[in-house]
Amino acid sequence: MVKTLTHRFVTNIPDDLEDGIIYISMEYATAIHLCCCGCRNQVVTPFSPTDWTLIFDGETVSLDPSIGNWSFKCRSHYWVRKSQIHWAKKWSKQEIAAVRRFEQLEQEQYYENKLSPNHKTKSDDTDLVTTKRKSGIWSKLKRIGRKRKST
């Protein structure tokens, strides 16, 4: 099992990936690494408002949200924080299905709002003073559940 990822900024992803290295292509807004459990599956994490966010602090990298390899046989789940791997508990099929539904809904809402003629971006709204704090996946799922119950 990999405990630390070393980052390499690249333009193109190499054909042969090495264990313990996360290859980051800013040009293609994506990163790729071999699964940290050791199964050697390739884990692709595209950067976008509805996928992953990369944080580079000058020395280490972090990815948000966690990496849940639900379609791999290993079903590994971990976070990359300051280049360190933090393992999560194994999730049930029901938990995985709930998160997948949530992520699909979140993505649909993002693009619906983005395409809406009334959509404002931060640069469009000079009165925007506060920023929304990112919350965890379970908080978001609870919020969606409350919204659905009230409608």
C-alpha atoms as a PDB file:
ATOM      1  CA  MET A   1       0.000   0.000   0.000  1.00  0.00           C
ATOM      2  CA  VAL A   2       1.192   3.451  -0.908  1.00  0.00           C
ATOM      3  CA  LYS A   3       1.351   5.952   1.962  1.00  0.00           C
ATOM      4  CA  THR A   4       2.716   8.997   0.115  1.00  0.00           C
ATOM      5  CA  LEU A   5       2.404  10.320  -3.431  1.00  0.00           C
ATOM      6  CA  THR A   6       5.208  12.239  -5.099  1.00  0.00           C
ATOM      7  CA  HIS A   7       3.912  14.700  -7.674  1.00  0.00           C
ATOM      8  CA  ARG A   8       5.240  15.290 -11.165  1.00  0.00           C
ATOM      9  CA  PHE A   9       3.921  18.087 -13.326  1.00  0.00           C
ATOM     10  CA  VAL A  10       3.809  16.869 -16.928  1.00  0.00           C
ATOM     11  CA  THR A  11       2.257  17.992 -20.179  1.00  0.00           C
ATOM     12  CA  ASN A  12       1.327  14.491 -21.296  1.00  0.00           C
ATOM     13  CA  ILE A  13       0.706  11.470 -19.131  1.00  0.00           C
ATOM     14  CA  PRO A  14       3.431   8.836 -19.627  1.00  0.00           C
ATOM     15  CA  ASP A  15       2.524   5.404 -20.996  1.00  0.00           C
ATOM     16  CA  ASP A  16       4.043   3.591 -18.021  1.00  0.00           C
ATOM     17  CA  LEU A  17       3.007   4.907 -14.618  1.00  0.00           C
ATOM     18  CA  GLU A  18       5.118   4.377 -11.518  1.00  0.00           C
ATOM     19  CA  ASP A  19       3.724   3.435  -8.100  1.00  0.00           C
ATOM     20  CA  GLY A  20       3.633   6.313  -5.653  1.00  0.00           C
ATOM     21  CA  ILE A  21       3.696   9.079  -8.273  1.00  0.00           C
ATOM     22  CA  ILE A  22       0.802  11.338  -9.197  1.00  0.00           C
ATOM     23  CA  TYR A  23       1.220  12.816 -12.667  1.00  0.00           C
ATOM     24  CA  ILE A  24      -0.417  16.219 -13.014  1.00  0.00           C
ATOM     25  CA  SER A  25      -1.180  17.832 -16.369  1.00  0.00           C
ATOM     26  CA  MET A  26      -2.398  21.395 -15.941  1.00  0.00           C
ATOM     27  CA  GLU A  27      -2.721  21.702 -19.721  1.00  0.00           C
ATOM     28  CA  TYR A  28      -5.285  18.881 -19.736  1.00  0.00           C
ATOM     29  CA  ALA A  29      -6.654  19.694 -16.252  1.00  0.00           C
ATOM     30  CA  THR A  30      -6.222  16.185 -14.930  1.00  0.00           C
ATOM     31  CA  ALA A  31      -4.078  13.988 -12.726  1.00  0.00           C
ATOM     32  CA  ILE A  32      -3.478  10.262 -12.856  1.00  0.00           C
ATOM     33  CA  HIS A  33      -1.854   7.762 -10.515  1.00  0.00           C
ATOM     34  CA  LEU A  34      -1.858   4.052  -9.823  1.00  0.00           C
ATOM     35  CA  CYS A  35      -4.356   3.041  -7.153  1.00  0.00           C
ATOM     36  CA  CYS A  36      -2.764   3.400  -3.739  1.00  0.00           C
ATOM     37  CA  CYS A  37      -3.939  -0.061  -2.619  1.00  0.00           C
ATOM     38  CA  GLY A  38      -1.403  -1.660  -4.965  1.00  0.00           C
ATOM     39  CA  CYS A  39      -3.870  -3.160  -7.481  1.00  0.00           C
ATOM     40  CA  ARG A  40      -2.185  -1.082 -10.245  1.00  0.00           C
ATOM     41  CA  ASN A  41      -5.445   0.265 -11.685  1.00  0.00           C
ATOM     42  CA  GLN A  42      -5.098   3.754 -13.124  1.00  0.00           C
ATOM     43  CA  VAL A  43      -6.964   6.437 -11.162  1.00  0.00           C
ATOM     44  CA  VAL A  44      -7.891   9.462 -13.278  1.00  0.00           C
ATOM     45  CA  THR A  45      -8.968  12.646 -11.480  1.00  0.00           C
ATOM     46  CA  PRO A  46     -10.081  15.422 -13.862  1.00  0.00           C
ATOM     47  CA  PHE A  47     -10.099  18.961 -12.447  1.00  0.00           C
ATOM     48  CA  SER A  48     -13.364  20.869 -12.796  1.00  0.00           C
ATOM     49  CA  PRO A  49     -16.001  22.535 -10.630  1.00  0.00           C
ATOM     50  CA  THR A  50     -17.916  19.225 -10.519  1.00  0.00           C
ATOM     51  CA  ASP A  51     -14.991  16.800 -10.317  1.00  0.00           C
ATOM     52  CA  TRP A  52     -11.744  17.215  -8.355  1.00  0.00           C
ATOM     53  CA  THR A  53      -9.861  20.238  -7.108  1.00  0.00           C
ATOM     54  CA  LEU A  54      -6.075  20.161  -6.937  1.00  0.00           C
ATOM     55  CA  ILE A  55      -4.259  22.117  -4.266  1.00  0.00           C
ATOM     56  CA  PHE A  56      -0.526  22.632  -4.729  1.00  0.00           C
ATOM     57  CA  ASP A  57       1.125  24.456  -1.828  1.00  0.00           C
ATOM     58  CA  GLY A  58       4.562  24.648  -3.406  1.00  0.00           C
ATOM     59  CA  GLU A  59       5.699  21.383  -1.846  1.00  0.00           C
ATOM     60  CA  THR A  60       2.762  18.982  -1.621  1.00  0.00           C
ATOM     61  CA  VAL A  61      -0.498  18.218  -3.416  1.00  0.00           C
ATOM     62  CA  SER A  62      -4.009  17.566  -2.156  1.00  0.00           C
ATOM     63  CA  LEU A  63      -7.109  16.406  -4.014  1.00  0.00           C
ATOM     64  CA  ASP A  64     -10.674  17.158  -3.062  1.00  0.00           C
ATOM     65  CA  PRO A  65     -12.971  15.283  -2.742  1.00  0.00           C
ATOM     66  CA  SER A  66     -11.768  11.848  -1.703  1.00  0.00           C
ATOM     67  CA  ILE A  67     -10.984   9.137  -4.219  1.00  0.00           C
ATOM     68  CA  GLY A  68     -13.517   6.336  -4.203  1.00  0.00           C
ATOM     69  CA  ASN A  69     -12.548   3.609  -6.639  1.00  0.00           C
ATOM     70  CA  TRP A  70     -16.004   2.026  -6.559  1.00  0.00           C
ATOM     71  CA  SER A  71     -15.740   0.389  -9.975  1.00  0.00           C
ATOM     72  CA  PHE A  72     -12.405  -1.294  -9.186  1.00  0.00           C
ATOM     73  CA  LYS A  73     -12.343  -4.753  -7.640  1.00  0.00           C
ATOM     74  CA  CYS A  74     -10.429  -3.299  -4.665  1.00  0.00           C
ATOM     75  CA  ARG A  75     -13.126  -0.613  -4.023  1.00  0.00           C
ATOM     76  CA  SER A  76     -10.436   1.437  -2.279  1.00  0.00           C
ATOM     77  CA  HIS A  77     -11.328   4.803  -0.785  1.00  0.00           C
ATOM     78  CA  TYR A  78      -8.831   7.416   0.358  1.00  0.00           C
ATOM     79  CA  TRP A  79      -7.964  11.085   0.532  1.00  0.00           C
ATOM     80  CA  VAL A  80      -4.809  12.708  -0.785  1.00  0.00           C
ATOM     81  CA  ARG A  81      -3.862  15.414   1.738  1.00  0.00           C
ATOM     82  CA  LYS A  82      -0.494  17.146   1.543  1.00  0.00           C
ATOM     83  CA  SER A  83       0.782  14.199  -0.548  1.00  0.00           C
ATOM     84  CA  GLN A  84      -0.151  11.748   2.235  1.00  0.00           C
ATOM     85  CA  ILE A  85      -2.712   8.980   1.756  1.00  0.00           C
ATOM     86  CA  HIS A  86      -5.446   8.848   4.383  1.00  0.00           C
ATOM     87  CA  TRP A  87      -7.532   5.688   4.147  1.00  0.00           C
ATOM     88  CA  ALA A  88     -11.290   5.669   4.634  1.00  0.00           C
ATOM     89  CA  LYS A  89     -13.489   2.843   5.807  1.00  0.00           C
ATOM     90  CA  LYS A  90     -14.981   0.491   3.235  1.00  0.00           C
ATOM     91  CA  TRP A  91     -18.356   1.772   2.058  1.00  0.00           C
ATOM     92  CA  SER A  92     -21.446  -0.351   1.559  1.00  0.00           C
ATOM     93  CA  LYS A  93     -23.120  -0.635  -1.840  1.00  0.00           C
ATOM     94  CA  GLN A  94     -25.929   1.572  -0.502  1.00  0.00           C
ATOM     95  CA  GLU A  95     -23.490   4.315   0.562  1.00  0.00           C
ATOM     96  CA  ILE A  96     -21.762   4.185  -2.823  1.00  0.00           C
ATOM     97  CA  ALA A  97     -25.095   4.363  -4.666  1.00  0.00           C
ATOM     98  CA  ALA A  98     -26.196   7.351  -2.556  1.00  0.00           C
ATOM     99  CA  VAL A  99     -22.975   9.240  -3.273  1.00  0.00           C
ATOM    100  CA  ARG A 100     -23.192   8.472  -6.988  1.00  0.00           C
ATOM    101  CA  ARG A 101     -26.786   9.803  -7.070  1.00  0.00           C
ATOM    102  CA  PHE A 102     -25.709  12.891  -5.178  1.00  0.00           C
ATOM    103  CA  GLU A 103     -22.751  13.544  -7.487  1.00  0.00           C
ATOM    104  CA  GLN A 104     -24.964  13.157 -10.561  1.00  0.00           C
ATOM    105  CA  LEU A 105     -27.531  15.572  -9.117  1.00  0.00           C
ATOM    106  CA  GLU A 106     -24.855  18.057  -8.097  1.00  0.00           C
ATOM    107  CA  GLN A 107     -23.353  17.964 -11.602  1.00  0.00           C
ATOM    108  CA  GLU A 108     -26.753  18.439 -13.254  1.00  0.00           C
ATOM    109  CA  GLN A 109     -27.567  21.381 -10.975  1.00  0.00           C
ATOM    110  CA  TYR A 110     -24.186  22.997 -11.629  1.00  0.00           C
ATOM    111  CA  TYR A 111     -24.604  22.895 -15.399  1.00  0.00           C
ATOM    112  CA  GLU A 112     -28.276  23.917 -15.265  1.00  0.00           C
ATOM    113  CA  ASN A 113     -27.327  26.966 -13.183  1.00  0.00           C
ATOM    114  CA  LYS A 114     -24.376  27.745 -15.418  1.00  0.00           C
ATOM    115  CA  LEU A 115     -26.591  27.697 -18.529  1.00  0.00           C
ATOM    116  CA  SER A 116     -29.340  29.741 -16.868  1.00  0.00           C
ATOM    117  CA  PRO A 117     -29.607  33.315 -18.242  1.00  0.00           C
ATOM    118  CA  ASN A 118     -29.970  34.606 -14.648  1.00  0.00           C
ATOM    119  CA  HIS A 119     -26.764  32.901 -13.481  1.00  0.00           C
ATOM    120  CA  LYS A 120     -24.256  35.303 -11.946  1.00  0.00           C
ATOM    121  CA  THR A 121     -20.594  34.583 -11.486  1.00  0.00           C
ATOM    122  CA  LYS A 122     -18.446  36.167  -8.779  1.00  0.00           C
ATOM    123  CA  SER A 123     -17.107  38.640 -11.343  1.00  0.00           C
ATOM    124  CA  ASP A 124     -20.697  39.603 -12.305  1.00  0.00           C
ATOM    125  CA  ASP A 125     -21.744  40.303  -8.727  1.00  0.00           C
ATOM    126  CA  THR A 126     -19.707  43.042  -7.083  1.00  0.00           C
ATOM    127  CA  ASP A 127     -21.883  42.824  -3.940  1.00  0.00           C
ATOM    128  CA  LEU A 128     -20.733  39.267  -3.249  1.00  0.00           C
ATOM    129  CA  VAL A 129     -18.969  39.516   0.098  1.00  0.00           C
ATOM    130  CA  THR A 130     -19.094  36.021   1.541  1.00  0.00           C
ATOM    131  CA  THR A 131     -17.823  32.790   0.089  1.00  0.00           C
ATOM    132  CA  LYS A 132     -19.503  29.455   0.508  1.00  0.00           C
ATOM    133  CA  ARG A 133     -17.576  27.058   2.749  1.00  0.00           C
ATOM    134  CA  LYS A 134     -17.162  23.591   1.304  1.00  0.00           C
ATOM    135  CA  SER A 135     -18.930  20.983   3.363  1.00  0.00           C
ATOM    136  CA  GLY A 136     -18.441  17.263   3.511  1.00  0.00           C
ATOM    137  CA  ILE A 137     -20.286  14.783   1.323  1.00  0.00           C
ATOM    138  CA  TRP A 138     -22.538  13.599   4.158  1.00  0.00           C
ATOM    139  CA  SER A 139     -23.596  17.164   5.006  1.00  0.00           C
ATOM    140  CA  LYS A 140     -24.471  17.720   1.358  1.00  0.00           C
ATOM    141  CA  LEU A 141     -26.452  14.475   1.183  1.00  0.00           C
ATOM    142  CA  LYS A 142     -28.409  15.439   4.293  1.00  0.00           C
ATOM    143  CA  ARG A 143     -29.173  18.866   2.808  1.00  0.00           C
ATOM    144  CA  ILE A 144     -30.464  17.306  -0.420  1.00  0.00           C
ATOM    145  CA  GLY A 145     -32.591  14.875   1.597  1.00  0.00           C
ATOM    146  CA  ARG A 146     -34.144  17.773   3.514  1.00  0.00           C
ATOM    147  CA  LYS A 147     -34.838  19.667   0.260  1.00  0.00           C
ATOM    148  CA  ARG A 148     -36.528  16.645  -1.303  1.00  0.00           C
ATOM    149  CA  LYS A 149     -38.704  16.069   1.805  1.00  0.00           C
ATOM    150  CA  SER A 150     -39.859  19.697   1.775  1.00  0.00           C
ATOM    151  CA  THR A 151     -40.907  19.636  -1.907  1.00  0.00           C
END
